[in-house]
Amino acid sequence: MSPFPQGRIGGRGAITATAHKLACLVYRMLKYGTEYVARSLVEYEAQVREKLERSLRRKAQALGYELVAKASPSSPS
């Protein structure tokens, strides 16, 4: 699944959206003097998973539940 909304807005809209995203990145870099730091796919996926877990924990807590991590299956001897 692509992180860009190409399927919903068509090719021209996707190009415009991508250009807007890049323009915002460049503007922030120039305005605040920060450098662009490319993250690896592993780091990005870890961050997405962490945010998802936090979100699920909040939703579960709001419903009166508590999430517990599943114990990893032990190897059969």
Protein backbone atom coordinates (compact mmCIF):
# COMPACT_ATOMS: atom_id res chain seq x y z
CA MET A 1 0.00 0.00 0.00
CA SER A 2 1.41 3.33 -1.05
CA PRO A 3 1.68 6.17 1.47
CA PHE A 4 0.49 8.54 -1.24
CA PRO A 5 -3.22 8.87 -2.10
CA GLN A 6 -2.79 8.02 -5.81
CA GLY A 7 -5.82 5.75 -6.09
CA ARG A 8 -8.36 8.24 -4.81
CA ILE A 9 -7.38 11.45 -6.56
CA GLY A 10 -5.88 10.20 -9.82
CA GLY A 11 -2.46 10.69 -11.35
CA ARG A 12 -2.48 14.48 -11.62
CA GLY A 13 -3.79 14.90 -8.09
CA ALA A 14 -1.15 12.49 -6.78
CA ILE A 15 1.58 14.51 -8.49
CA THR A 16 0.22 17.71 -6.96
CA ALA A 17 -0.03 16.10 -3.51
CA THR A 18 3.54 14.79 -3.73
CA ALA A 19 4.82 18.20 -4.88
CA HIS A 20 2.99 19.84 -1.96
CA LYS A 21 4.52 17.36 0.48
CA LEU A 22 8.02 18.04 -0.84
CA ALA A 23 7.44 21.80 -0.81
CA CYS A 24 6.39 21.62 2.85
CA LEU A 25 9.51 19.62 3.73
CA VAL A 26 11.78 22.11 1.97
CA TYR A 27 9.99 25.08 3.55
CA ARG A 28 10.38 23.65 7.05
CA MET A 29 14.04 22.87 6.42
CA LEU A 30 14.71 26.43 5.23
CA LYS A 31 12.58 28.15 7.88
CA TYR A 32 13.88 26.25 10.90
CA GLY A 33 17.35 25.37 9.61
CA THR A 34 16.91 21.67 10.21
CA GLU A 35 18.35 18.91 8.08
CA TYR A 36 16.32 16.21 6.43
CA VAL A 37 16.99 12.88 8.07
CA ALA A 38 16.03 9.89 5.99
CA ARG A 39 14.79 7.05 8.16
CA SER A 40 15.17 3.44 7.27
CA LEU A 41 12.11 1.34 6.58
CA VAL A 42 12.70 -0.62 9.79
CA GLU A 43 12.71 2.57 11.89
CA TYR A 44 9.58 3.84 10.16
CA GLU A 45 7.71 0.56 10.65
CA ALA A 46 8.75 0.46 14.33
CA GLN A 47 7.41 3.99 14.83
CA VAL A 48 4.13 3.18 13.07
CA ARG A 49 3.70 0.03 15.19
CA GLU A 50 4.44 1.98 18.39
CA LYS A 51 1.83 4.63 17.51
CA LEU A 52 -0.71 1.95 16.66
CA GLU A 53 -0.12 0.16 19.97
CA ARG A 54 -0.53 3.42 21.92
CA SER A 55 -3.73 4.17 20.06
CA LEU A 56 -5.14 0.69 20.70
CA ARG A 57 -4.22 0.89 24.39
CA ARG A 58 -6.03 4.23 24.73
CA LYS A 59 -9.12 2.92 22.96
CA ALA A 60 -9.14 -0.26 25.06
CA GLN A 61 -8.74 1.76 28.26
CA ALA A 62 -11.62 4.03 27.24
CA LEU A 63 -13.79 0.92 26.87
CA GLY A 64 -12.66 -0.48 30.22
CA TYR A 65 -10.24 -3.09 28.88
CA GLU A 66 -6.53 -3.60 29.40
CA LEU A 67 -4.29 -4.88 26.62
CA VAL A 68 -1.76 -7.51 27.58
CA ALA A 69 1.08 -8.54 25.28
CA LYS A 70 0.77 -12.08 24.01
CA ALA A 71 3.43 -14.40 25.41
CA SER A 72 5.70 -15.76 22.72
CA PRO A 73 5.17 -19.49 22.14
CA SER A 74 7.84 -21.61 23.74
CA SER A 75 9.77 -24.02 21.56
CA PRO A 76 8.68 -27.68 21.86
CA SER A 77 11.45 -29.84 23.29
